[in-house]
Amino acid sequence: MKRIITLALVMSAFALLISSCSATKSVVNGGSTRSKFVGKWTLTDVGYERLVEAAVQTVFDQGPPASFVNSTWEFTNSGNGSYTISDGTAQKIYWSLNGDAFQFKKIFEGDKAKNVAEGYSLQVVSNDGTNMKLKAPITISGNSTGYVVYTFSKNK
Protein backbone atom coordinates (compact mmCIF):
# COMPACT_ATOMS: atom_id res chain seq x y z
CA MET A 1 0.00 0.00 0.00
CA LYS A 2 2.88 2.36 0.86
CA ARG A 3 4.42 1.65 -2.54
CA ILE A 4 1.22 2.59 -4.34
CA ILE A 5 0.91 5.87 -2.43
CA THR A 6 4.60 6.67 -2.97
CA LEU A 7 4.32 5.86 -6.67
CA ALA A 8 1.19 8.02 -6.99
CA LEU A 9 2.93 10.95 -5.27
CA VAL A 10 6.02 10.63 -7.47
CA MET A 11 3.89 10.50 -10.64
CA SER A 12 1.85 13.51 -9.50
CA ALA A 13 5.01 15.50 -8.79
CA PHE A 14 6.42 14.51 -12.20
CA ALA A 15 3.20 15.55 -13.96
CA LEU A 16 3.23 18.88 -12.12
CA LEU A 17 6.87 19.46 -13.09
CA ILE A 18 6.20 18.69 -16.77
CA SER A 19 3.12 20.94 -16.96
CA SER A 20 4.88 23.86 -15.26
CA CYS A 21 7.75 23.70 -17.76
CA SER A 22 5.60 23.86 -20.88
CA ALA A 23 6.07 26.87 -23.14
CA THR A 24 3.63 29.73 -22.87
CA LYS A 25 1.35 30.17 -25.84
CA SER A 26 1.19 33.41 -27.77
CA VAL A 27 -1.32 34.49 -30.36
CA VAL A 28 0.07 34.03 -33.86
CA ASN A 29 -0.91 37.54 -34.98
CA GLY A 30 2.44 39.25 -34.70
CA GLY A 31 2.75 38.62 -30.98
CA SER A 32 -0.53 40.32 -30.06
CA THR A 33 -1.93 39.02 -26.84
CA ARG A 34 -5.39 39.32 -25.37
CA SER A 35 -4.23 42.09 -23.04
CA LYS A 36 -3.39 44.33 -26.02
CA PHE A 37 -7.09 44.31 -27.01
CA VAL A 38 -8.52 45.14 -23.59
CA GLY A 39 -9.70 48.73 -23.22
CA LYS A 40 -11.65 51.39 -25.10
CA TRP A 41 -10.97 51.97 -28.79
CA THR A 42 -12.18 54.35 -31.49
CA LEU A 43 -12.55 53.09 -35.05
CA THR A 44 -10.81 55.93 -36.89
CA ASP A 45 -10.87 54.73 -40.50
CA VAL A 46 -12.47 52.19 -42.80
CA GLY A 47 -10.48 51.32 -45.91
CA TYR A 48 -10.70 48.83 -48.75
CA GLU A 49 -8.18 46.36 -50.10
CA ARG A 50 -8.91 45.00 -53.61
CA LEU A 51 -12.46 46.38 -53.30
CA VAL A 52 -14.23 49.53 -54.38
CA GLU A 53 -16.04 51.33 -51.59
CA ALA A 54 -19.49 50.88 -53.17
CA ALA A 55 -19.04 47.08 -53.29
CA VAL A 56 -19.81 46.71 -49.58
CA GLN A 57 -23.23 47.98 -48.52
CA THR A 58 -23.50 46.55 -45.00
CA VAL A 59 -21.07 45.30 -42.38
CA PHE A 60 -21.83 43.38 -39.20
CA ASP A 61 -25.46 43.15 -40.40
CA GLN A 62 -25.91 46.70 -39.18
CA GLY A 63 -25.00 49.44 -41.63
CA PRO A 64 -22.58 50.73 -44.24
CA PRO A 65 -18.89 50.67 -43.34
CA ALA A 66 -18.73 54.48 -43.19
CA SER A 67 -21.29 54.51 -40.35
CA PHE A 68 -18.71 52.80 -38.13
CA VAL A 69 -16.12 55.56 -38.47
CA ASN A 70 -15.77 57.23 -35.04
CA SER A 71 -17.59 54.34 -33.35
CA THR A 72 -16.30 53.38 -29.92
CA TRP A 73 -15.48 49.80 -28.98
CA GLU A 74 -14.81 48.41 -25.52
CA PHE A 75 -13.24 45.03 -24.78
CA THR A 76 -12.92 43.58 -21.29
CA ASN A 77 -10.53 40.77 -20.38
CA SER A 78 -13.51 38.49 -19.69
CA GLY A 79 -14.56 38.64 -23.37
CA ASN A 80 -17.53 40.92 -22.82
CA GLY A 81 -17.63 44.10 -24.81
CA SER A 82 -19.69 46.55 -26.77
CA TYR A 83 -19.58 49.04 -29.57
CA THR A 84 -21.51 52.23 -30.14
CA ILE A 85 -21.76 53.74 -33.62
CA SER A 86 -21.92 57.49 -34.18
CA ASP A 87 -25.74 57.60 -34.35
CA GLY A 88 -25.85 56.29 -30.75
CA THR A 89 -26.79 52.70 -31.55
CA ALA A 90 -25.10 50.42 -29.02
CA GLN A 91 -24.47 46.70 -29.34
CA LYS A 92 -23.23 44.23 -26.71
CA ILE A 93 -20.71 41.69 -27.97
CA TYR A 94 -18.64 38.75 -26.81
CA TRP A 95 -15.14 38.66 -28.30
CA SER A 96 -12.24 36.21 -28.49
CA LEU A 97 -8.98 35.54 -30.28
CA ASN A 98 -8.40 32.40 -32.31
CA GLY A 99 -4.93 32.29 -33.83
CA ASP A 100 -4.69 35.37 -36.04
CA ALA A 101 -8.45 35.97 -35.97
CA PHE A 102 -10.39 38.44 -33.84
CA GLN A 103 -13.91 37.07 -33.46
CA PHE A 104 -17.05 38.52 -31.99
CA LYS A 105 -20.71 37.64 -31.56
CA LYS A 106 -23.54 40.09 -31.11
CA ILE A 107 -25.33 39.52 -27.82
CA PHE A 108 -28.96 40.58 -27.54
CA GLU A 109 -31.16 40.87 -24.44
CA GLY A 110 -31.56 37.44 -22.84
CA ASP A 111 -28.79 35.82 -24.97
CA LYS A 112 -25.79 34.02 -23.57
CA ALA A 113 -22.62 33.99 -25.67
CA LYS A 114 -22.38 30.18 -25.56
CA ASN A 115 -25.83 29.94 -27.17
CA VAL A 116 -25.05 32.33 -30.06
CA ALA A 117 -23.74 30.33 -33.02
CA GLU A 118 -23.11 33.09 -35.56
CA GLY A 119 -20.57 35.83 -35.42
CA TYR A 120 -17.88 37.72 -37.28
CA SER A 121 -14.23 36.94 -37.85
CA LEU A 122 -11.62 39.55 -38.75
CA GLN A 123 -7.94 39.00 -39.40
CA VAL A 124 -5.58 40.79 -37.05
CA VAL A 125 -3.16 42.75 -39.21
CA SER A 126 -1.50 44.51 -36.27
CA ASN A 127 -2.06 45.51 -32.66
CA ASP A 128 0.64 47.19 -30.61
CA GLY A 129 -1.70 48.03 -27.72
CA THR A 130 -2.20 51.60 -28.98
CA ASN A 131 -3.11 51.17 -32.65
CA MET A 132 -4.89 48.24 -34.17
CA LYS A 133 -5.77 47.16 -37.70
CA LEU A 134 -8.28 44.40 -38.46
CA LYS A 135 -9.54 43.29 -41.85
CA ALA A 136 -12.66 41.40 -42.86
CA PRO A 137 -12.54 39.17 -45.94
CA ILE A 138 -15.19 39.71 -48.63
CA THR A 139 -15.57 37.19 -51.46
CA ILE A 140 -15.59 38.83 -54.87
CA SER A 141 -15.73 37.43 -58.41
CA GLY A 142 -15.93 33.78 -57.44
CA ASN A 143 -12.51 32.86 -56.03
CA SER A 144 -11.09 36.32 -55.35
CA THR A 145 -11.05 37.98 -51.93
CA GLY A 146 -11.06 41.64 -51.01
CA TYR A 147 -11.00 43.18 -47.55
CA VAL A 148 -12.68 45.87 -45.54
CA VAL A 149 -9.88 47.25 -43.35
CA TYR A 150 -10.69 48.74 -39.93
CA THR A 151 -8.17 51.01 -38.20
CA PHE A 152 -8.55 51.63 -34.45
CA SER A 153 -6.84 53.93 -32.00
CA LYS A 154 -6.89 53.21 -28.26
CA ASN A 155 -8.52 55.88 -26.10
CA LYS A 156 -6.34 57.29 -23.34
C-alpha atoms as a PDB file:
ATOM      1  CA  MET A   1       0.000   0.000   0.000  1.00  0.00           C
ATOM      2  CA  LYS A   2       2.878   2.358   0.863  1.00  0.00           C
ATOM      3  CA  ARG A   3       4.418   1.651  -2.541  1.00  0.00           C
ATOM      4  CA  ILE A   4       1.216   2.591  -4.344  1.00  0.00           C
ATOM      5  CA  ILE A   5       0.915   5.868  -2.429  1.00  0.00           C
ATOM      6  CA  THR A   6       4.599   6.669  -2.967  1.00  0.00           C
ATOM      7  CA  LEU A   7       4.315   5.856  -6.675  1.00  0.00           C
ATOM      8  CA  ALA A   8       1.189   8.020  -6.986  1.00  0.00           C
ATOM      9  CA  LEU A   9       2.926  10.951  -5.268  1.00  0.00           C
ATOM     10  CA  VAL A  10       6.021  10.625  -7.472  1.00  0.00           C
ATOM     11  CA  MET A  11       3.890  10.499 -10.639  1.00  0.00           C
ATOM     12  CA  SER A  12       1.848  13.510  -9.496  1.00  0.00           C
ATOM     13  CA  ALA A  13       5.010  15.500  -8.793  1.00  0.00           C
ATOM     14  CA  PHE A  14       6.421  14.510 -12.197  1.00  0.00           C
ATOM     15  CA  ALA A  15       3.200  15.548 -13.965  1.00  0.00           C
ATOM     16  CA  LEU A  16       3.231  18.883 -12.125  1.00  0.00           C
ATOM     17  CA  LEU A  17       6.867  19.459 -13.091  1.00  0.00           C
ATOM     18  CA  ILE A  18       6.197  18.689 -16.775  1.00  0.00           C
ATOM     19  CA  SER A  19       3.125  20.939 -16.957  1.00  0.00           C
ATOM     20  CA  SER A  20       4.879  23.856 -15.263  1.00  0.00           C
ATOM     21  CA  CYS A  21       7.750  23.696 -17.758  1.00  0.00           C
ATOM     22  CA  SER A  22       5.599  23.860 -20.883  1.00  0.00           C
ATOM     23  CA  ALA A  23       6.066  26.872 -23.143  1.00  0.00           C
ATOM     24  CA  THR A  24       3.630  29.732 -22.869  1.00  0.00           C
ATOM     25  CA  LYS A  25       1.348  30.169 -25.844  1.00  0.00           C
ATOM     26  CA  SER A  26       1.189  33.411 -27.768  1.00  0.00           C
ATOM     27  CA  VAL A  27      -1.317  34.487 -30.356  1.00  0.00           C
ATOM     28  CA  VAL A  28       0.065  34.027 -33.857  1.00  0.00           C
ATOM     29  CA  ASN A  29      -0.913  37.544 -34.982  1.00  0.00           C
ATOM     30  CA  GLY A  30       2.437  39.252 -34.699  1.00  0.00           C
ATOM     31  CA  GLY A  31       2.751  38.625 -30.978  1.00  0.00           C
ATOM     32  CA  SER A  32      -0.532  40.318 -30.065  1.00  0.00           C
ATOM     33  CA  THR A  33      -1.928  39.016 -26.840  1.00  0.00           C
ATOM     34  CA  ARG A  34      -5.390  39.324 -25.371  1.00  0.00           C
ATOM     35  CA  SER A  35      -4.226  42.092 -23.044  1.00  0.00           C
ATOM     36  CA  LYS A  36      -3.388  44.332 -26.017  1.00  0.00           C
ATOM     37  CA  PHE A  37      -7.085  44.308 -27.010  1.00  0.00           C
ATOM     38  CA  VAL A  38      -8.517  45.138 -23.593  1.00  0.00           C
ATOM     39  CA  GLY A  39      -9.705  48.732 -23.217  1.00  0.00           C
ATOM     40  CA  LYS A  40     -11.650  51.392 -25.096  1.00  0.00           C
ATOM     41  CA  TRP A  41     -10.968  51.974 -28.792  1.00  0.00           C
ATOM     42  CA  THR A  42     -12.183  54.351 -31.494  1.00  0.00           C
ATOM     43  CA  LEU A  43     -12.554  53.087 -35.048  1.00  0.00           C
ATOM     44  CA  THR A  44     -10.810  55.934 -36.886  1.00  0.00           C
ATOM     45  CA  ASP A  45     -10.871  54.734 -40.502  1.00  0.00           C
ATOM     46  CA  VAL A  46     -12.468  52.193 -42.798  1.00  0.00           C
ATOM     47  CA  GLY A  47     -10.482  51.318 -45.913  1.00  0.00           C
ATOM     48  CA  TYR A  48     -10.695  48.835 -48.748  1.00  0.00           C
ATOM     49  CA  GLU A  49      -8.184  46.363 -50.099  1.00  0.00           C
ATOM     50  CA  ARG A  50      -8.913  44.998 -53.610  1.00  0.00           C
ATOM     51  CA  LEU A  51     -12.463  46.381 -53.300  1.00  0.00           C
ATOM     52  CA  VAL A  52     -14.226  49.534 -54.375  1.00  0.00           C
ATOM     53  CA  GLU A  53     -16.036  51.332 -51.590  1.00  0.00           C
ATOM     54  CA  ALA A  54     -19.488  50.876 -53.165  1.00  0.00           C
ATOM     55  CA  ALA A  55     -19.035  47.084 -53.292  1.00  0.00           C
ATOM     56  CA  VAL A  56     -19.806  46.712 -49.582  1.00  0.00           C
ATOM     57  CA  GLN A  57     -23.228  47.983 -48.520  1.00  0.00           C
ATOM     58  CA  THR A  58     -23.503  46.552 -45.002  1.00  0.00           C
ATOM     59  CA  VAL A  59     -21.070  45.305 -42.378  1.00  0.00           C
ATOM     60  CA  PHE A  60     -21.831  43.376 -39.201  1.00  0.00           C
ATOM     61  CA  ASP A  61     -25.456  43.154 -40.404  1.00  0.00           C
ATOM     62  CA  GLN A  62     -25.906  46.704 -39.183  1.00  0.00           C
ATOM     63  CA  GLY A  63     -25.004  49.437 -41.633  1.00  0.00           C
ATOM     64  CA  PRO A  64     -22.579  50.734 -44.236  1.00  0.00           C
ATOM     65  CA  PRO A  65     -18.892  50.668 -43.342  1.00  0.00           C
ATOM     66  CA  ALA A  66     -18.728  54.481 -43.187  1.00  0.00           C
ATOM     67  CA  SER A  67     -21.288  54.514 -40.347  1.00  0.00           C
ATOM     68  CA  PHE A  68     -18.713  52.798 -38.132  1.00  0.00           C
ATOM     69  CA  VAL A  69     -16.115  55.562 -38.470  1.00  0.00           C
ATOM     70  CA  ASN A  70     -15.766  57.233 -35.040  1.00  0.00           C
ATOM     71  CA  SER A  71     -17.587  54.338 -33.353  1.00  0.00           C
ATOM     72  CA  THR A  72     -16.304  53.384 -29.922  1.00  0.00           C
ATOM     73  CA  TRP A  73     -15.483  49.804 -28.983  1.00  0.00           C
ATOM     74  CA  GLU A  74     -14.813  48.414 -25.516  1.00  0.00           C
ATOM     75  CA  PHE A  75     -13.243  45.033 -24.784  1.00  0.00           C
ATOM     76  CA  THR A  76     -12.915  43.578 -21.290  1.00  0.00           C
ATOM     77  CA  ASN A  77     -10.530  40.774 -20.379  1.00  0.00           C
ATOM     78  CA  SER A  78     -13.511  38.494 -19.693  1.00  0.00           C
ATOM     79  CA  GLY A  79     -14.563  38.636 -23.368  1.00  0.00           C
ATOM     80  CA  ASN A  80     -17.525  40.917 -22.815  1.00  0.00           C
ATOM     81  CA  GLY A  81     -17.631  44.101 -24.811  1.00  0.00           C
ATOM     82  CA  SER A  82     -19.687  46.547 -26.771  1.00  0.00           C
ATOM     83  CA  TYR A  83     -19.582  49.036 -29.575  1.00  0.00           C
ATOM     84  CA  THR A  84     -21.507  52.234 -30.142  1.00  0.00           C
ATOM     85  CA  ILE A  85     -21.765  53.735 -33.615  1.00  0.00           C
ATOM     86  CA  SER A  86     -21.923  57.486 -34.179  1.00  0.00           C
ATOM     87  CA  ASP A  87     -25.743  57.596 -34.354  1.00  0.00           C
ATOM     88  CA  GLY A  88     -25.848  56.294 -30.751  1.00  0.00           C
ATOM     89  CA  THR A  89     -26.788  52.698 -31.546  1.00  0.00           C
ATOM     90  CA  ALA A  90     -25.098  50.419 -29.016  1.00  0.00           C
ATOM     91  CA  GLN A  91     -24.466  46.698 -29.338  1.00  0.00           C
ATOM     92  CA  LYS A  92     -23.231  44.227 -26.706  1.00  0.00           C
ATOM     93  CA  ILE A  93     -20.711  41.689 -27.973  1.00  0.00           C
ATOM     94  CA  TYR A  94     -18.638  38.753 -26.809  1.00  0.00           C
ATOM     95  CA  TRP A  95     -15.137  38.663 -28.304  1.00  0.00           C
ATOM     96  CA  SER A  96     -12.244  36.213 -28.494  1.00  0.00           C
ATOM     97  CA  LEU A  97      -8.981  35.539 -30.285  1.00  0.00           C
ATOM     98  CA  ASN A  98      -8.398  32.402 -32.311  1.00  0.00           C
ATOM     99  CA  GLY A  99      -4.931  32.292 -33.835  1.00  0.00           C
ATOM    100  CA  ASP A 100      -4.689  35.368 -36.039  1.00  0.00           C
ATOM    101  CA  ALA A 101      -8.449  35.973 -35.970  1.00  0.00           C
ATOM    102  CA  PHE A 102     -10.387  38.441 -33.841  1.00  0.00           C
ATOM    103  CA  GLN A 103     -13.906  37.071 -33.460  1.00  0.00           C
ATOM    104  CA  PHE A 104     -17.048  38.521 -31.988  1.00  0.00           C
ATOM    105  CA  LYS A 105     -20.706  37.643 -31.562  1.00  0.00           C
ATOM    106  CA  LYS A 106     -23.542  40.092 -31.106  1.00  0.00           C
ATOM    107  CA  ILE A 107     -25.333  39.524 -27.817  1.00  0.00           C
ATOM    108  CA  PHE A 108     -28.963  40.576 -27.542  1.00  0.00           C
ATOM    109  CA  GLU A 109     -31.164  40.865 -24.444  1.00  0.00           C
ATOM    110  CA  GLY A 110     -31.560  37.436 -22.843  1.00  0.00           C
ATOM    111  CA  ASP A 111     -28.787  35.823 -24.966  1.00  0.00           C
ATOM    112  CA  LYS A 112     -25.792  34.017 -23.565  1.00  0.00           C
ATOM    113  CA  ALA A 113     -22.620  33.989 -25.670  1.00  0.00           C
ATOM    114  CA  LYS A 114     -22.385  30.180 -25.556  1.00  0.00           C
ATOM    115  CA  ASN A 115     -25.832  29.940 -27.174  1.00  0.00           C
ATOM    116  CA  VAL A 116     -25.047  32.335 -30.060  1.00  0.00           C
ATOM    117  CA  ALA A 117     -23.741  30.331 -33.019  1.00  0.00           C
ATOM    118  CA  GLU A 118     -23.113  33.087 -35.562  1.00  0.00           C
ATOM    119  CA  GLY A 119     -20.566  35.830 -35.421  1.00  0.00           C
ATOM    120  CA  TYR A 120     -17.877  37.723 -37.277  1.00  0.00           C
ATOM    121  CA  SER A 121     -14.228  36.943 -37.851  1.00  0.00           C
ATOM    122  CA  LEU A 122     -11.622  39.550 -38.751  1.00  0.00           C
ATOM    123  CA  GLN A 123      -7.937  38.996 -39.395  1.00  0.00           C
ATOM    124  CA  VAL A 124      -5.581  40.795 -37.048  1.00  0.00           C
ATOM    125  CA  VAL A 125      -3.159  42.754 -39.206  1.00  0.00           C
ATOM    126  CA  SER A 126      -1.501  44.505 -36.266  1.00  0.00           C
ATOM    127  CA  ASN A 127      -2.060  45.508 -32.663  1.00  0.00           C
ATOM    128  CA  ASP A 128       0.642  47.191 -30.610  1.00  0.00           C
ATOM    129  CA  GLY A 129      -1.703  48.031 -27.724  1.00  0.00           C
ATOM    130  CA  THR A 130      -2.199  51.602 -28.978  1.00  0.00           C
ATOM    131  CA  ASN A 131      -3.110  51.166 -32.649  1.00  0.00           C
ATOM    132  CA  MET A 132      -4.894  48.237 -34.173  1.00  0.00           C
ATOM    133  CA  LYS A 133      -5.773  47.162 -37.695  1.00  0.00           C
ATOM    134  CA  LEU A 134      -8.275  44.403 -38.464  1.00  0.00           C
ATOM    135  CA  LYS A 135      -9.542  43.287 -41.855  1.00  0.00           C
ATOM    136  CA  ALA A 136     -12.662  41.404 -42.859  1.00  0.00           C
ATOM    137  CA  PRO A 137     -12.543  39.172 -45.937  1.00  0.00           C
ATOM    138  CA  ILE A 138     -15.190  39.715 -48.631  1.00  0.00           C
ATOM    139  CA  THR A 139     -15.567  37.187 -51.463  1.00  0.00           C
ATOM    140  CA  ILE A 140     -15.595  38.828 -54.874  1.00  0.00           C
ATOM    141  CA  SER A 141     -15.735  37.430 -58.407  1.00  0.00           C
ATOM    142  CA  GLY A 142     -15.927  33.775 -57.440  1.00  0.00           C
ATOM    143  CA  ASN A 143     -12.511  32.859 -56.028  1.00  0.00           C
ATOM    144  CA  SER A 144     -11.087  36.318 -55.351  1.00  0.00           C
ATOM    145  CA  THR A 145     -11.049  37.981 -51.934  1.00  0.00           C
ATOM    146  CA  GLY A 146     -11.058  41.644 -51.008  1.00  0.00           C
ATOM    147  CA  TYR A 147     -10.996  43.180 -47.555  1.00  0.00           C
ATOM    148  CA  VAL A 148     -12.681  45.872 -45.537  1.00  0.00           C
ATOM    149  CA  VAL A 149      -9.882  47.254 -43.350  1.00  0.00           C
ATOM    150  CA  TYR A 150     -10.692  48.736 -39.931  1.00  0.00           C
ATOM    151  CA  THR A 151      -8.170  51.009 -38.196  1.00  0.00           C
ATOM    152  CA  PHE A 152      -8.546  51.627 -34.454  1.00  0.00           C
ATOM    153  CA  SER A 153      -6.845  53.930 -32.001  1.00  0.00           C
ATOM    154  CA  LYS A 154      -6.892  53.211 -28.261  1.00  0.00           C
ATOM    155  CA  ASN A 155      -8.515  55.881 -26.097  1.00  0.00           C
ATOM    156  CA  LYS A 156      -6.339  57.290 -23.344  1.00  0.00           C
END
